[in-house]
Amino acid sequence: MKVVVVAMFEPGEDTGDRPGEYQLWVEREHLDRVIPLAAGYRHVRMNRDGVLGMLTGVGTSKAAASVMALGLDPRFDLSHAYWLVAGTAGIDPKIGSVGSAAWARWVVDGDMGTEVDLRDAPADWPTGLLAKDRSAPYQLPAPPAQSIEANMAHALNVPLVDWAYRLSRGVPLADDAGIAALRAAYGGEAARPPFVLEGDNQTSVRFWYGARMNERARRWVGYWTGGKGVFATAAEEDSGIMQALMQLAGAGRARLDRVLVLRAASDYTVPPPGMTAIQLLTEEAKTGPVGTTQALENLYRTGAPVIRYLAD
């Protein structure tokens, strides 16, 4: 096996209906060979060029379990395979725009920690989320990013990430009037047409909205990476996938220096000026993220030249 493409969300069938994160890869990369995976979330698919696609299901636990199921299956030799984790996300408007695609250098766990309701916390606390074994937010020194308690920050192979970015940054990305109208309410990077960038991922199984939560994500990523990481995208599964790959690497069944994480923005983590976080939440609960169609298209367009080069 040369390349594994990992998608998380697919609302229907693998082909022929409304696409999620998996369908464009299946159809356009001709992943026509279906292989049952009894312990997986769904069967896996392959093409004749050595590209294998898998769907993990949504959330950290399903993603970790699905990747372990594939990695431990004796039918597959993934010991030298490249992995592309490819999904949608919210994006920090300080860093990028809806429809843009971000290659991560860091994956940071946004769930593990100690939490105090802010109504019970000192008035000067910016958040109720603390690192485990710390008694105040962002208390220094930070605990080790990898420990017996948790693996909070995963550093990806920067030369590989930089190479993937250089290879894909000139790819024309999809745009339309709907996301252009949304962008117009913002300034700076958030107002740009979709583009390819490098920016880091914070995962959480909880969807969140608003400037306060966004600032927490920025500081949380910086805290756990020693100031090296820059929060760009908010997603769910990547810390679970990285944990599974770490354990597979320990068994000689995967290589951590061959892992790429790509997230394309279906919406912003902060509402536009004049809209509250609750208003944005309410709107998306009815219609879904406004940029989902373009994010799915741009996720594929950005990742495809990378997997084709690696499989060739």
C-alpha atoms as a PDB file:
ATOM      1  CA  MET A   1       0.000   0.000   0.000  1.00  0.00           C
ATOM      2  CA  LYS A   2       1.374   3.397  -0.978  1.00  0.00           C
ATOM      3  CA  VAL A   3      -1.134   5.975   0.323  1.00  0.00           C
ATOM      4  CA  VAL A   4      -4.081   5.832   2.726  1.00  0.00           C
ATOM      5  CA  VAL A   5      -6.698   8.584   2.428  1.00  0.00           C
ATOM      6  CA  VAL A   6      -8.657   8.939   5.670  1.00  0.00           C
ATOM      7  CA  ALA A   7     -12.071  10.623   5.562  1.00  0.00           C
ATOM      8  CA  MET A   8     -14.438  10.910   8.481  1.00  0.00           C
ATOM      9  CA  PHE A   9     -17.888  12.021   7.345  1.00  0.00           C
ATOM     10  CA  GLU A  10     -20.140  10.663   4.602  1.00  0.00           C
ATOM     11  CA  PRO A  11     -23.907  11.211   4.896  1.00  0.00           C
ATOM     12  CA  GLY A  12     -24.948   8.458   2.490  1.00  0.00           C
ATOM     13  CA  GLU A  13     -23.354   5.984   0.126  1.00  0.00           C
ATOM     14  CA  ASP A  14     -19.771   6.019  -1.081  1.00  0.00           C
ATOM     15  CA  THR A  15     -20.851   7.120  -4.559  1.00  0.00           C
ATOM     16  CA  GLY A  16     -23.769   8.569  -6.451  1.00  0.00           C
ATOM     17  CA  ASP A  17     -25.511  10.772  -3.888  1.00  0.00           C
ATOM     18  CA  ARG A  18     -24.789  13.929  -1.870  1.00  0.00           C
ATOM     19  CA  PRO A  19     -21.052  13.852  -1.181  1.00  0.00           C
ATOM     20  CA  GLY A  20     -19.345  14.047   2.179  1.00  0.00           C
ATOM     21  CA  GLU A  21     -15.608  13.956   2.804  1.00  0.00           C
ATOM     22  CA  TYR A  22     -15.156  10.527   1.197  1.00  0.00           C
ATOM     23  CA  GLN A  23     -17.163  10.473  -2.027  1.00  0.00           C
ATOM     24  CA  LEU A  24     -15.009  12.658  -4.281  1.00  0.00           C
ATOM     25  CA  TRP A  25     -11.966  10.537  -3.477  1.00  0.00           C
ATOM     26  CA  VAL A  26     -13.854   7.340  -4.274  1.00  0.00           C
ATOM     27  CA  GLU A  27     -15.217   8.591  -7.583  1.00  0.00           C
ATOM     28  CA  ARG A  28     -12.306  10.617  -8.922  1.00  0.00           C
ATOM     29  CA  GLU A  29      -9.468   8.355  -7.776  1.00  0.00           C
ATOM     30  CA  HIS A  30     -11.358   5.262  -8.955  1.00  0.00           C
ATOM     31  CA  LEU A  31     -11.346   3.474  -5.620  1.00  0.00           C
ATOM     32  CA  ASP A  32     -13.381   0.709  -7.209  1.00  0.00           C
ATOM     33  CA  ARG A  33     -12.159  -2.364  -5.348  1.00  0.00           C
ATOM     34  CA  VAL A  34     -14.250  -2.829  -2.200  1.00  0.00           C
ATOM     35  CA  ILE A  35     -12.641  -4.762   0.664  1.00  0.00           C
ATOM     36  CA  PRO A  36     -14.762  -5.678   3.707  1.00  0.00           C
ATOM     37  CA  LEU A  37     -13.284  -4.537   7.036  1.00  0.00           C
ATOM     38  CA  ALA A  38     -15.234  -6.326   9.733  1.00  0.00           C
ATOM     39  CA  ALA A  39     -13.797  -4.312  12.635  1.00  0.00           C
ATOM     40  CA  GLY A  40     -14.006  -1.002  10.792  1.00  0.00           C
ATOM     41  CA  TYR A  41     -16.721   1.616  10.566  1.00  0.00           C
ATOM     42  CA  ARG A  42     -17.233   0.799   6.871  1.00  0.00           C
ATOM     43  CA  HIS A  43     -15.513  -1.278   4.198  1.00  0.00           C
ATOM     44  CA  VAL A  44     -12.346   0.161   2.640  1.00  0.00           C
ATOM     45  CA  ARG A  45     -11.668   0.810  -1.034  1.00  0.00           C
ATOM     46  CA  MET A  46      -8.586   0.618  -3.256  1.00  0.00           C
ATOM     47  CA  ASN A  47      -7.483   1.544  -6.738  1.00  0.00           C
ATOM     48  CA  ARG A  48      -4.879  -0.161  -8.896  1.00  0.00           C
ATOM     49  CA  ASP A  49      -2.276   2.527  -8.132  1.00  0.00           C
ATOM     50  CA  GLY A  50      -1.919   1.585  -4.467  1.00  0.00           C
ATOM     51  CA  VAL A  51      -4.247   4.210  -2.974  1.00  0.00           C
ATOM     52  CA  LEU A  52      -6.531   2.959  -0.221  1.00  0.00           C
ATOM     53  CA  GLY A  53      -9.483   4.998   1.051  1.00  0.00           C
ATOM     54  CA  MET A  54     -11.209   4.584   4.386  1.00  0.00           C
ATOM     55  CA  LEU A  55     -14.116   6.191   6.211  1.00  0.00           C
ATOM     56  CA  THR A  56     -13.757   6.329   9.994  1.00  0.00           C
ATOM     57  CA  GLY A  57     -17.040   7.788  11.188  1.00  0.00           C
ATOM     58  CA  VAL A  58     -17.371  11.106  13.005  1.00  0.00           C
ATOM     59  CA  GLY A  59     -15.631  11.874  16.311  1.00  0.00           C
ATOM     60  CA  THR A  60     -12.365  11.047  18.009  1.00  0.00           C
ATOM     61  CA  SER A  61     -13.281   7.592  19.318  1.00  0.00           C
ATOM     62  CA  LYS A  62     -14.698   6.252  16.041  1.00  0.00           C
ATOM     63  CA  ALA A  63     -11.740   7.636  14.116  1.00  0.00           C
ATOM     64  CA  ALA A  64      -9.148   6.100  16.451  1.00  0.00           C
ATOM     65  CA  ALA A  65     -10.891   2.721  16.496  1.00  0.00           C
ATOM     66  CA  SER A  66     -11.290   2.635  12.716  1.00  0.00           C
ATOM     67  CA  VAL A  67      -7.646   3.468  12.015  1.00  0.00           C
ATOM     68  CA  MET A  68      -6.532   0.797  14.497  1.00  0.00           C
ATOM     69  CA  ALA A  69      -8.837  -1.736  12.837  1.00  0.00           C
ATOM     70  CA  LEU A  70      -7.236  -1.081   9.467  1.00  0.00           C
ATOM     71  CA  GLY A  71      -3.685  -0.848  10.784  1.00  0.00           C
ATOM     72  CA  LEU A  72      -3.847  -4.166  12.625  1.00  0.00           C
ATOM     73  CA  ASP A  73      -5.524  -6.092   9.808  1.00  0.00           C
ATOM     74  CA  PRO A  74      -2.924  -8.617   8.564  1.00  0.00           C
ATOM     75  CA  ARG A  75      -4.157  -8.307   4.971  1.00  0.00           C
ATOM     76  CA  PHE A  76      -2.641  -4.822   4.666  1.00  0.00           C
ATOM     77  CA  ASP A  77       1.021  -3.849   4.808  1.00  0.00           C
ATOM     78  CA  LEU A  78       0.971  -0.167   5.790  1.00  0.00           C
ATOM     79  CA  SER A  79       4.440  -0.102   7.292  1.00  0.00           C
ATOM     80  CA  HIS A  80       5.729   2.290   4.616  1.00  0.00           C
ATOM     81  CA  ALA A  81       2.476   3.934   3.534  1.00  0.00           C
ATOM     82  CA  TYR A  82       1.794   7.651   3.511  1.00  0.00           C
ATOM     83  CA  TRP A  83      -1.373   8.805   5.273  1.00  0.00           C
ATOM     84  CA  LEU A  84      -3.522  11.760   4.261  1.00  0.00           C
ATOM     85  CA  VAL A  85      -6.175  12.733   6.793  1.00  0.00           C
ATOM     86  CA  ALA A  86      -8.593  14.872   4.770  1.00  0.00           C
ATOM     87  CA  GLY A  87     -11.679  16.573   6.192  1.00  0.00           C
ATOM     88  CA  THR A  88     -13.606  19.796   6.630  1.00  0.00           C
ATOM     89  CA  ALA A  89     -13.274  22.249   9.520  1.00  0.00           C
ATOM     90  CA  GLY A  90     -14.018  25.707  10.831  1.00  0.00           C
ATOM     91  CA  ILE A  91     -11.286  28.254  10.220  1.00  0.00           C
ATOM     92  CA  ASP A  92      -9.990  31.145  12.308  1.00  0.00           C
ATOM     93  CA  PRO A  93     -10.764  34.296  10.286  1.00  0.00           C
ATOM     94  CA  LYS A  94      -7.425  35.737  11.361  1.00  0.00           C
ATOM     95  CA  ILE A  95      -5.684  32.975   9.402  1.00  0.00           C
ATOM     96  CA  GLY A  96      -7.804  32.030   6.407  1.00  0.00           C
ATOM     97  CA  SER A  97     -11.111  32.183   4.561  1.00  0.00           C
ATOM     98  CA  VAL A  98     -14.034  29.866   4.024  1.00  0.00           C
ATOM     99  CA  GLY A  99     -13.225  27.422   1.220  1.00  0.00           C
ATOM    100  CA  SER A 100      -9.485  27.556   1.963  1.00  0.00           C
ATOM    101  CA  ALA A 101      -7.441  24.417   2.667  1.00  0.00           C
ATOM    102  CA  ALA A 102      -4.859  24.216   5.468  1.00  0.00           C
ATOM    103  CA  TRP A 103      -1.962  21.779   5.849  1.00  0.00           C
ATOM    104  CA  ALA A 104      -1.261  21.237   9.559  1.00  0.00           C
ATOM    105  CA  ARG A 105       2.155  21.099  11.172  1.00  0.00           C
ATOM    106  CA  TRP A 106       0.626  20.392  14.584  1.00  0.00           C
ATOM    107  CA  VAL A 107      -2.438  18.536  15.809  1.00  0.00           C
ATOM    108  CA  VAL A 108      -3.469  19.598  19.326  1.00  0.00           C
ATOM    109  CA  ASP A 109      -6.047  17.873  21.541  1.00  0.00           C
ATOM    110  CA  GLY A 110      -8.623  20.429  22.671  1.00  0.00           C
ATOM    111  CA  ASP A 111     -10.573  18.086  24.936  1.00  0.00           C
ATOM    112  CA  MET A 112      -8.253  16.546  27.502  1.00  0.00           C
ATOM    113  CA  GLY A 113      -7.813  18.680  30.608  1.00  0.00           C
ATOM    114  CA  THR A 114      -9.494  19.909  33.768  1.00  0.00           C
ATOM    115  CA  GLU A 115     -12.501  22.195  33.491  1.00  0.00           C
ATOM    116  CA  VAL A 116     -14.148  24.577  35.936  1.00  0.00           C
ATOM    117  CA  ASP A 117     -17.373  26.397  35.148  1.00  0.00           C
ATOM    118  CA  LEU A 118     -16.389  30.024  34.645  1.00  0.00           C
ATOM    119  CA  ARG A 119     -19.175  31.057  37.035  1.00  0.00           C
ATOM    120  CA  ASP A 120     -17.203  29.294  39.770  1.00  0.00           C
ATOM    121  CA  ALA A 121     -13.784  30.570  38.673  1.00  0.00           C
ATOM    122  CA  PRO A 122     -11.846  33.701  39.674  1.00  0.00           C
ATOM    123  CA  ALA A 123     -13.012  36.801  37.808  1.00  0.00           C
ATOM    124  CA  ASP A 124      -9.708  37.222  35.960  1.00  0.00           C
ATOM    125  CA  TRP A 125      -9.674  33.731  34.423  1.00  0.00           C
ATOM    126  CA  PRO A 126     -10.063  33.893  30.618  1.00  0.00           C
ATOM    127  CA  THR A 127     -11.279  30.271  30.453  1.00  0.00           C
ATOM    128  CA  GLY A 128     -12.311  27.434  32.696  1.00  0.00           C
ATOM    129  CA  LEU A 129     -10.178  24.902  30.770  1.00  0.00           C
ATOM    130  CA  LEU A 130      -6.879  24.013  32.441  1.00  0.00           C
ATOM    131  CA  ALA A 131      -4.124  21.590  31.656  1.00  0.00           C
ATOM    132  CA  LYS A 132      -4.361  18.542  33.881  1.00  0.00           C
ATOM    133  CA  ASP A 133      -2.376  18.958  37.121  1.00  0.00           C
ATOM    134  CA  ARG A 134      -2.354  22.754  36.771  1.00  0.00           C
ATOM    135  CA  SER A 135      -4.378  25.139  38.937  1.00  0.00           C
ATOM    136  CA  ALA A 136      -4.814  28.095  36.568  1.00  0.00           C
ATOM    137  CA  PRO A 137      -5.305  28.546  32.809  1.00  0.00           C
ATOM    138  CA  TYR A 138      -2.112  28.386  30.732  1.00  0.00           C
ATOM    139  CA  GLN A 139      -0.020  27.953  33.877  1.00  0.00           C
ATOM    140  CA  LEU A 140       3.691  27.621  33.161  1.00  0.00           C
ATOM    141  CA  PRO A 141       5.592  25.487  32.790  1.00  0.00           C
ATOM    142  CA  ALA A 142       3.200  23.578  30.588  1.00  0.00           C
ATOM    143  CA  PRO A 143       3.083  19.822  31.197  1.00  0.00           C
ATOM    144  CA  PRO A 144       4.907  17.633  28.684  1.00  0.00           C
ATOM    145  CA  ALA A 145       2.986  17.510  25.422  1.00  0.00           C
ATOM    146  CA  GLN A 146       3.345  13.710  25.422  1.00  0.00           C
ATOM    147  CA  SER A 147       2.947  11.933  28.747  1.00  0.00           C
ATOM    148  CA  ILE A 148       1.312   9.047  30.555  1.00  0.00           C
ATOM    149  CA  GLU A 149      -1.691  11.324  31.093  1.00  0.00           C
ATOM    150  CA  ALA A 150      -2.302  12.289  27.467  1.00  0.00           C
ATOM    151  CA  ASN A 151      -0.688  13.034  24.144  1.00  0.00           C
ATOM    152  CA  MET A 152      -1.762  16.641  23.775  1.00  0.00           C
ATOM    153  CA  ALA A 153       0.285  17.849  20.802  1.00  0.00           C
ATOM    154  CA  HIS A 154       1.443  15.856  17.798  1.00  0.00           C
ATOM    155  CA  ALA A 155       4.195  17.395  15.685  1.00  0.00           C
ATOM    156  CA  LEU A 156       3.993  16.364  12.052  1.00  0.00           C
ATOM    157  CA  ASN A 157       6.968  16.015   9.710  1.00  0.00           C
ATOM    158  CA  VAL A 158       7.529  19.669   8.741  1.00  0.00           C
ATOM    159  CA  PRO A 159       9.602  19.028   5.571  1.00  0.00           C
ATOM    160  CA  LEU A 160       6.852  16.710   4.317  1.00  0.00           C
ATOM    161  CA  VAL A 161       4.134  19.256   5.186  1.00  0.00           C
ATOM    162  CA  ASP A 162       6.086  22.056   3.506  1.00  0.00           C
ATOM    163  CA  TRP A 163       6.547  19.894   0.409  1.00  0.00           C
ATOM    164  CA  ALA A 164       2.805  19.122   0.217  1.00  0.00           C
ATOM    165  CA  TYR A 165       2.022  22.826   0.599  1.00  0.00           C
ATOM    166  CA  ARG A 166       4.436  23.819  -2.172  1.00  0.00           C
ATOM    167  CA  LEU A 167       3.036  21.156  -4.484  1.00  0.00           C
ATOM    168  CA  SER A 168      -0.583  22.208  -3.941  1.00  0.00           C
ATOM    169  CA  ARG A 169      -0.544  25.950  -3.259  1.00  0.00           C
ATOM    170  CA  GLY A 170      -1.082  26.878  -6.897  1.00  0.00           C
ATOM    171  CA  VAL A 171      -4.114  24.645  -7.397  1.00  0.00           C
ATOM    172  CA  PRO A 172      -7.196  26.632  -8.537  1.00  0.00           C
ATOM    173  CA  LEU A 173      -9.841  26.396  -5.827  1.00  0.00           C
ATOM    174  CA  ALA A 174     -13.613  26.484  -6.110  1.00  0.00           C
ATOM    175  CA  ASP A 175     -15.515  29.620  -5.182  1.00  0.00           C
ATOM    176  CA  ASP A 176     -19.073  30.889  -5.556  1.00  0.00           C
ATOM    177  CA  ALA A 177     -21.286  33.861  -4.812  1.00  0.00           C
ATOM    178  CA  GLY A 178     -22.533  32.421  -1.525  1.00  0.00           C
ATOM    179  CA  ILE A 179     -19.170  32.159   0.201  1.00  0.00           C
ATOM    180  CA  ALA A 180     -18.009  35.380  -1.479  1.00  0.00           C
ATOM    181  CA  ALA A 181     -20.900  37.177   0.211  1.00  0.00           C
ATOM    182  CA  LEU A 182     -19.960  35.634   3.548  1.00  0.00           C
ATOM    183  CA  ARG A 183     -16.309  36.640   3.136  1.00  0.00           C
ATOM    184  CA  ALA A 184     -17.281  40.222   2.360  1.00  0.00           C
ATOM    185  CA  ALA A 185     -18.382  40.745   5.960  1.00  0.00           C
ATOM    186  CA  TYR A 186     -14.841  40.067   7.190  1.00  0.00           C
ATOM    187  CA  GLY A 187     -11.505  41.740   6.577  1.00  0.00           C
ATOM    188  CA  GLY A 188      -7.927  40.585   6.176  1.00  0.00           C
ATOM    189  CA  GLU A 189      -7.225  36.929   5.432  1.00  0.00           C
ATOM    190  CA  ALA A 190     -10.859  36.001   6.010  1.00  0.00           C
ATOM    191  CA  ALA A 191     -11.948  38.132   3.050  1.00  0.00           C
ATOM    192  CA  ARG A 192      -9.603  36.474   0.536  1.00  0.00           C
ATOM    193  CA  PRO A 193     -10.888  34.032  -2.088  1.00  0.00           C
ATOM    194  CA  PRO A 194     -10.109  30.420  -1.125  1.00  0.00           C
ATOM    195  CA  PHE A 195      -6.386  29.647  -0.935  1.00  0.00           C
ATOM    196  CA  VAL A 196      -4.003  26.949   0.279  1.00  0.00           C
ATOM    197  CA  LEU A 197      -2.098  27.650   3.495  1.00  0.00           C
ATOM    198  CA  GLU A 198      -0.237  26.071   6.378  1.00  0.00           C
ATOM    199  CA  GLY A 199      -1.982  26.260   9.740  1.00  0.00           C
ATOM    200  CA  ASP A 200      -2.484  24.033  12.732  1.00  0.00           C
ATOM    201  CA  ASN A 201      -5.437  22.013  13.916  1.00  0.00           C
ATOM    202  CA  GLN A 202      -7.112  21.862  17.307  1.00  0.00           C
ATOM    203  CA  THR A 203      -9.462  18.929  17.723  1.00  0.00           C
ATOM    204  CA  SER A 204     -12.513  18.674  19.933  1.00  0.00           C
ATOM    205  CA  VAL A 205     -15.559  16.428  19.873  1.00  0.00           C
ATOM    206  CA  ARG A 206     -17.575  19.492  20.889  1.00  0.00           C
ATOM    207  CA  PHE A 207     -18.559  21.985  18.215  1.00  0.00           C
ATOM    208  CA  TRP A 208     -17.954  25.521  19.433  1.00  0.00           C
ATOM    209  CA  TYR A 209     -18.605  29.068  18.264  1.00  0.00           C
ATOM    210  CA  GLY A 210     -17.516  32.586  19.023  1.00  0.00           C
ATOM    211  CA  ALA A 211     -14.614  34.913  19.672  1.00  0.00           C
ATOM    212  CA  ARG A 212     -13.978  33.798  23.267  1.00  0.00           C
ATOM    213  CA  MET A 213     -13.744  30.142  22.326  1.00  0.00           C
ATOM    214  CA  ASN A 214     -11.601  31.070  19.336  1.00  0.00           C
ATOM    215  CA  GLU A 215      -9.159  32.971  21.522  1.00  0.00           C
ATOM    216  CA  ARG A 216      -9.002  29.970  23.825  1.00  0.00           C
ATOM    217  CA  ALA A 217      -8.119  27.743  20.867  1.00  0.00           C
ATOM    218  CA  ARG A 218      -5.359  30.132  19.808  1.00  0.00           C
ATOM    219  CA  ARG A 219      -3.846  30.177  23.272  1.00  0.00           C
ATOM    220  CA  TRP A 220      -4.336  26.432  23.821  1.00  0.00           C
ATOM    221  CA  VAL A 221      -2.442  25.569  20.620  1.00  0.00           C
ATOM    222  CA  GLY A 222       0.352  27.970  21.526  1.00  0.00           C
ATOM    223  CA  TYR A 223       0.502  26.632  25.089  1.00  0.00           C
ATOM    224  CA  TRP A 224       0.911  22.982  24.119  1.00  0.00           C
ATOM    225  CA  THR A 225       3.345  23.612  21.254  1.00  0.00           C
ATOM    226  CA  GLY A 226       5.673  25.948  23.143  1.00  0.00           C
ATOM    227  CA  GLY A 227       4.584  28.838  20.975  1.00  0.00           C
ATOM    228  CA  LYS A 228       5.419  27.035  17.721  1.00  0.00           C
ATOM    229  CA  GLY A 229       1.885  26.205  16.619  1.00  0.00           C
ATOM    230  CA  VAL A 230      -0.593  28.645  15.069  1.00  0.00           C
ATOM    231  CA  PHE A 231      -4.253  27.742  15.411  1.00  0.00           C
ATOM    232  CA  ALA A 232      -6.015  27.707  12.039  1.00  0.00           C
ATOM    233  CA  THR A 233      -8.682  24.999  11.935  1.00  0.00           C
ATOM    234  CA  ALA A 234     -11.121  23.425  14.368  1.00  0.00           C
ATOM    235  CA  ALA A 235     -12.052  19.813  13.700  1.00  0.00           C
ATOM    236  CA  GLU A 236     -12.914  16.659  15.635  1.00  0.00           C
ATOM    237  CA  GLU A 237     -10.999  13.518  14.832  1.00  0.00           C
ATOM    238  CA  ASP A 238      -7.327  14.220  14.198  1.00  0.00           C
ATOM    239  CA  SER A 239      -5.968  13.710  17.723  1.00  0.00           C
ATOM    240  CA  GLY A 240      -7.623  10.288  17.849  1.00  0.00           C
ATOM    241  CA  ILE A 241      -6.199   9.362  14.460  1.00  0.00           C
ATOM    242  CA  MET A 242      -2.738  10.503  15.519  1.00  0.00           C
ATOM    243  CA  GLN A 243      -2.987   8.447  18.722  1.00  0.00           C
ATOM    244  CA  ALA A 244      -3.892   5.349  16.722  1.00  0.00           C
ATOM    245  CA  LEU A 245      -1.021   5.947  14.305  1.00  0.00           C
ATOM    246  CA  MET A 246       1.403   6.415  17.218  1.00  0.00           C
ATOM    247  CA  GLN A 247       0.478   3.012  18.572  1.00  0.00           C
ATOM    248  CA  LEU A 248       0.616   1.422  15.136  1.00  0.00           C
ATOM    249  CA  ALA A 249       4.060   2.963  14.647  1.00  0.00           C
ATOM    250  CA  GLY A 250       5.133   1.363  17.917  1.00  0.00           C
ATOM    251  CA  ALA A 251       4.179  -1.982  16.402  1.00  0.00           C
ATOM    252  CA  GLY A 252       6.043  -1.254  13.167  1.00  0.00           C
ATOM    253  CA  ARG A 253       2.795  -0.978  11.210  1.00  0.00           C
ATOM    254  CA  ALA A 254       2.899   2.755  10.391  1.00  0.00           C
ATOM    255  CA  ARG A 255       5.370   5.612  10.079  1.00  0.00           C
ATOM    256  CA  LEU A 256       4.638   8.907  11.794  1.00  0.00           C
ATOM    257  CA  ASP A 257       6.966  10.804   9.476  1.00  0.00           C
ATOM    258  CA  ARG A 258       4.607   9.952   6.591  1.00  0.00           C
ATOM    259  CA  VAL A 259       1.413  11.513   7.977  1.00  0.00           C
ATOM    260  CA  LEU A 260      -0.302  14.567   6.481  1.00  0.00           C
ATOM    261  CA  VAL A 261      -3.380  16.364   7.820  1.00  0.00           C
ATOM    262  CA  LEU A 262      -5.413  18.589   5.491  1.00  0.00           C
ATOM    263  CA  ARG A 263      -8.531  20.478   6.540  1.00  0.00           C
ATOM    264  CA  ALA A 264     -10.679  22.644   4.251  1.00  0.00           C
ATOM    265  CA  ALA A 265     -12.849  25.367   5.763  1.00  0.00           C
ATOM    266  CA  SER A 266     -16.612  25.009   5.526  1.00  0.00           C
ATOM    267  CA  ASP A 267     -17.246  27.965   7.855  1.00  0.00           C
ATOM    268  CA  TYR A 268     -15.606  30.413  10.245  1.00  0.00           C
ATOM    269  CA  THR A 269     -15.071  29.829  13.950  1.00  0.00           C
ATOM    270  CA  VAL A 270     -16.070  33.443  14.649  1.00  0.00           C
ATOM    271  CA  PRO A 271     -19.279  35.044  13.330  1.00  0.00           C
ATOM    272  CA  PRO A 272     -19.075  38.099  11.099  1.00  0.00           C
ATOM    273  CA  PRO A 273     -19.417  41.579  12.599  1.00  0.00           C
ATOM    274  CA  GLY A 274     -22.974  42.245  13.745  1.00  0.00           C
ATOM    275  CA  MET A 275     -23.787  38.571  14.413  1.00  0.00           C
ATOM    276  CA  THR A 276     -23.541  36.826  17.774  1.00  0.00           C
ATOM    277  CA  ALA A 277     -22.157  33.345  18.327  1.00  0.00           C
ATOM    278  CA  ILE A 278     -25.660  32.099  19.195  1.00  0.00           C
ATOM    279  CA  GLN A 279     -27.070  33.537  15.979  1.00  0.00           C
ATOM    280  CA  LEU A 280     -24.392  31.744  13.966  1.00  0.00           C
ATOM    281  CA  LEU A 281     -25.039  28.498  15.824  1.00  0.00           C
ATOM    282  CA  THR A 282     -28.783  28.790  15.213  1.00  0.00           C
ATOM    283  CA  GLU A 283     -28.297  29.492  11.522  1.00  0.00           C
ATOM    284  CA  GLU A 284     -25.929  26.575  10.985  1.00  0.00           C
ATOM    285  CA  ALA A 285     -28.201  24.231  12.945  1.00  0.00           C
ATOM    286  CA  LYS A 286     -30.842  24.839  10.262  1.00  0.00           C
ATOM    287  CA  THR A 287     -28.785  24.933   7.070  1.00  0.00           C
ATOM    288  CA  GLY A 288     -25.340  23.541   7.897  1.00  0.00           C
ATOM    289  CA  PRO A 289     -22.094  25.424   7.195  1.00  0.00           C
ATOM    290  CA  VAL A 290     -22.535  27.647   4.156  1.00  0.00           C
ATOM    291  CA  GLY A 291     -19.199  26.657   2.583  1.00  0.00           C
ATOM    292  CA  THR A 292     -19.478  22.872   2.794  1.00  0.00           C
ATOM    293  CA  THR A 293     -19.771  22.251  -0.964  1.00  0.00           C
ATOM    294  CA  GLN A 294     -16.731  24.377  -1.787  1.00  0.00           C
ATOM    295  CA  ALA A 295     -14.742  22.967   1.145  1.00  0.00           C
ATOM    296  CA  LEU A 296     -15.304  19.400  -0.042  1.00  0.00           C
ATOM    297  CA  GLU A 297     -14.295  20.302  -3.585  1.00  0.00           C
ATOM    298  CA  ASN A 298     -11.202  22.197  -2.450  1.00  0.00           C
ATOM    299  CA  LEU A 299     -10.228  19.454  -0.033  1.00  0.00           C
ATOM    300  CA  TYR A 300     -10.021  17.085  -2.975  1.00  0.00           C
ATOM    301  CA  ARG A 301      -8.347  19.565  -5.339  1.00  0.00           C
ATOM    302  CA  THR A 302      -5.637  20.346  -2.789  1.00  0.00           C
ATOM    303  CA  GLY A 303      -4.938  16.785  -1.710  1.00  0.00           C
ATOM    304  CA  ALA A 304      -5.180  15.023  -5.070  1.00  0.00           C
ATOM    305  CA  PRO A 305      -1.834  16.128  -6.575  1.00  0.00           C
ATOM    306  CA  VAL A 306      -0.102  15.079  -3.364  1.00  0.00           C
ATOM    307  CA  ILE A 307      -1.491  11.561  -3.236  1.00  0.00           C
ATOM    308  CA  ARG A 308      -0.953  11.070  -6.950  1.00  0.00           C
ATOM    309  CA  TYR A 309       2.686  12.071  -6.686  1.00  0.00           C
ATOM    310  CA  LEU A 310       3.209   9.734  -3.723  1.00  0.00           C
ATOM    311  CA  ALA A 311       1.451   6.844  -5.440  1.00  0.00           C
ATOM    312  CA  ASP A 312       3.340   7.274  -8.722  1.00  0.00           C
END
